[in-house]
Amino acid sequence: PAIAYLNEPQAGARLPAVFEASGWAIKDVAGVERVALTLGGRVVAETEYGLREDWPGRFYGGRSQDPSLPQVGFRAQVDASGMPAGRYWLGLEVTGKDGSVERFAGWPVVLSGD
């Protein structure tokens, strides 16, 4: 299975309609093909995947077999201006190079509509 984490924004964050998100994703053996961000269960942004992120490699102490380590970070600009203000779950959709697709619910955020 894949393992993924959102570094930013944090749970409960109050966000403008356009915001930045970042994090990392790994998948042993196969590696990660793409990471998309979801808001309210719907894909709202494709990320730039393959950025240097050292934390997962340090944390897993060489036990992870993701072939892309340490280039497992991602970032994206999310434009949610078409969504009404309110509370949503910000999550991830990780596609492995083996074709698998895994969804992570993430955590709640609040779109302020600004």
Protein backbone atom coordinates (compact mmCIF):
# COMPACT_ATOMS: atom_id res chain seq x y z
CA PRO A 1 0.00 0.00 0.00
CA ALA A 2 0.92 3.64 -0.41
CA ILE A 3 1.59 5.92 2.54
CA ALA A 4 0.92 9.64 2.12
CA TYR A 5 0.78 12.75 4.26
CA LEU A 6 -0.26 16.39 3.87
CA ASN A 7 2.31 18.73 5.43
CA GLU A 8 0.24 21.81 4.62
CA PRO A 9 -2.44 22.91 5.15
CA GLN A 10 -3.01 21.63 8.66
CA ALA A 11 -6.23 20.07 9.93
CA GLY A 12 -8.89 22.66 10.67
CA ALA A 13 -7.15 25.37 8.64
CA ARG A 14 -9.27 28.25 7.35
CA LEU A 15 -8.34 28.59 3.67
CA PRO A 16 -8.94 31.13 0.93
CA ALA A 17 -10.43 29.92 -2.35
CA VAL A 18 -6.92 29.55 -3.82
CA PHE A 19 -4.35 27.91 -1.56
CA GLU A 20 -1.10 25.94 -1.57
CA ALA A 21 -0.79 22.34 -0.41
CA SER A 22 2.27 20.13 0.07
CA GLY A 23 3.23 16.73 1.43
CA TRP A 24 4.75 13.41 0.45
CA ALA A 25 3.73 9.95 -0.79
CA ILE A 26 5.58 6.64 -1.02
CA LYS A 27 4.72 3.18 -2.31
CA ASP A 28 7.15 0.35 -1.71
CA VAL A 29 8.57 -1.44 -4.75
CA ALA A 30 6.26 0.11 -7.36
CA GLY A 31 6.69 3.81 -6.57
CA VAL A 32 4.17 6.61 -7.11
CA GLU A 33 3.01 7.75 -10.55
CA ARG A 34 0.86 10.72 -9.49
CA VAL A 35 -0.76 12.44 -6.53
CA ALA A 36 -3.98 14.44 -6.78
CA LEU A 37 -5.69 16.51 -4.11
CA THR A 38 -9.35 15.98 -3.31
CA LEU A 39 -11.77 18.36 -1.65
CA GLY A 40 -15.07 16.95 -0.53
CA GLY A 41 -14.18 13.70 -2.29
CA ARG A 42 -13.66 15.35 -5.69
CA VAL A 43 -10.27 15.78 -7.39
CA VAL A 44 -9.47 19.52 -7.43
CA ALA A 45 -5.74 19.61 -8.30
CA GLU A 46 -2.93 17.55 -9.77
CA THR A 47 0.29 17.93 -7.83
CA GLU A 48 3.86 18.39 -8.93
CA TYR A 49 5.26 15.09 -7.63
CA GLY A 50 8.92 14.14 -7.27
CA LEU A 51 10.23 16.97 -5.11
CA ARG A 52 12.96 16.25 -2.59
CA GLU A 53 11.51 15.27 0.80
CA ASP A 54 13.98 13.70 3.24
CA TRP A 55 11.63 13.06 6.17
CA PRO A 56 10.08 9.74 4.99
CA GLY A 57 13.50 8.21 4.34
CA ARG A 58 14.76 9.27 7.77
CA PHE A 59 11.59 8.11 9.51
CA TYR A 60 11.52 4.69 7.84
CA GLY A 61 15.28 4.31 8.35
CA GLY A 62 15.94 2.64 5.02
CA ARG A 63 13.01 0.21 5.38
CA SER A 64 10.99 1.87 2.61
CA GLN A 65 11.62 0.38 -0.80
CA ASP A 66 10.10 3.22 -2.82
CA PRO A 67 12.47 3.55 -5.79
CA SER A 68 12.02 7.34 -5.91
CA LEU A 69 13.24 8.18 -2.40
CA PRO A 70 14.04 10.95 -1.55
CA GLN A 71 12.15 12.52 -4.50
CA VAL A 72 8.73 11.76 -3.00
CA GLY A 73 7.44 15.24 -2.12
CA PHE A 74 4.61 17.07 -3.82
CA ARG A 75 3.07 20.51 -3.97
CA ALA A 76 0.11 22.07 -5.72
CA GLN A 77 -1.88 25.23 -5.98
CA VAL A 78 -5.54 24.48 -5.42
CA ASP A 79 -8.18 26.71 -7.00
CA ALA A 80 -11.44 26.00 -5.21
CA SER A 81 -13.08 29.25 -6.26
CA GLY A 82 -15.94 27.30 -7.85
CA MET A 83 -16.89 25.73 -4.51
CA PRO A 84 -19.08 27.41 -1.92
CA ALA A 85 -17.55 28.42 1.41
CA GLY A 86 -17.82 25.76 4.07
CA ARG A 87 -16.21 22.74 5.71
CA TYR A 88 -14.66 20.05 3.47
CA TRP A 89 -12.39 17.06 3.79
CA LEU A 90 -9.04 17.70 2.08
CA GLY A 91 -7.56 14.39 0.94
CA LEU A 92 -5.23 12.66 -1.48
CA GLU A 93 -5.56 10.26 -4.37
CA VAL A 94 -2.31 8.36 -4.95
CA THR A 95 -1.76 6.38 -8.15
CA GLY A 96 1.06 3.84 -8.05
CA LYS A 97 3.27 2.98 -11.01
CA ASP A 98 1.60 -0.45 -10.79
CA GLY A 99 -1.77 1.14 -11.66
CA SER A 100 -3.24 0.97 -8.15
CA VAL A 101 -5.27 3.96 -6.90
CA GLU A 102 -5.57 4.67 -3.20
CA ARG A 103 -7.56 7.45 -1.53
CA PHE A 104 -6.71 9.08 1.77
CA ALA A 105 -9.47 11.03 3.52
CA GLY A 106 -7.05 13.58 4.99
CA TRP A 107 -8.69 16.03 7.35
CA PRO A 108 -11.26 18.79 7.56
CA VAL A 109 -10.52 22.31 6.36
CA VAL A 110 -12.74 25.36 6.01
CA LEU A 111 -12.98 27.29 2.76
CA SER A 112 -13.57 30.91 3.68
CA GLY A 113 -14.62 31.96 0.19
CA ASP A 114 -12.11 34.84 0.17
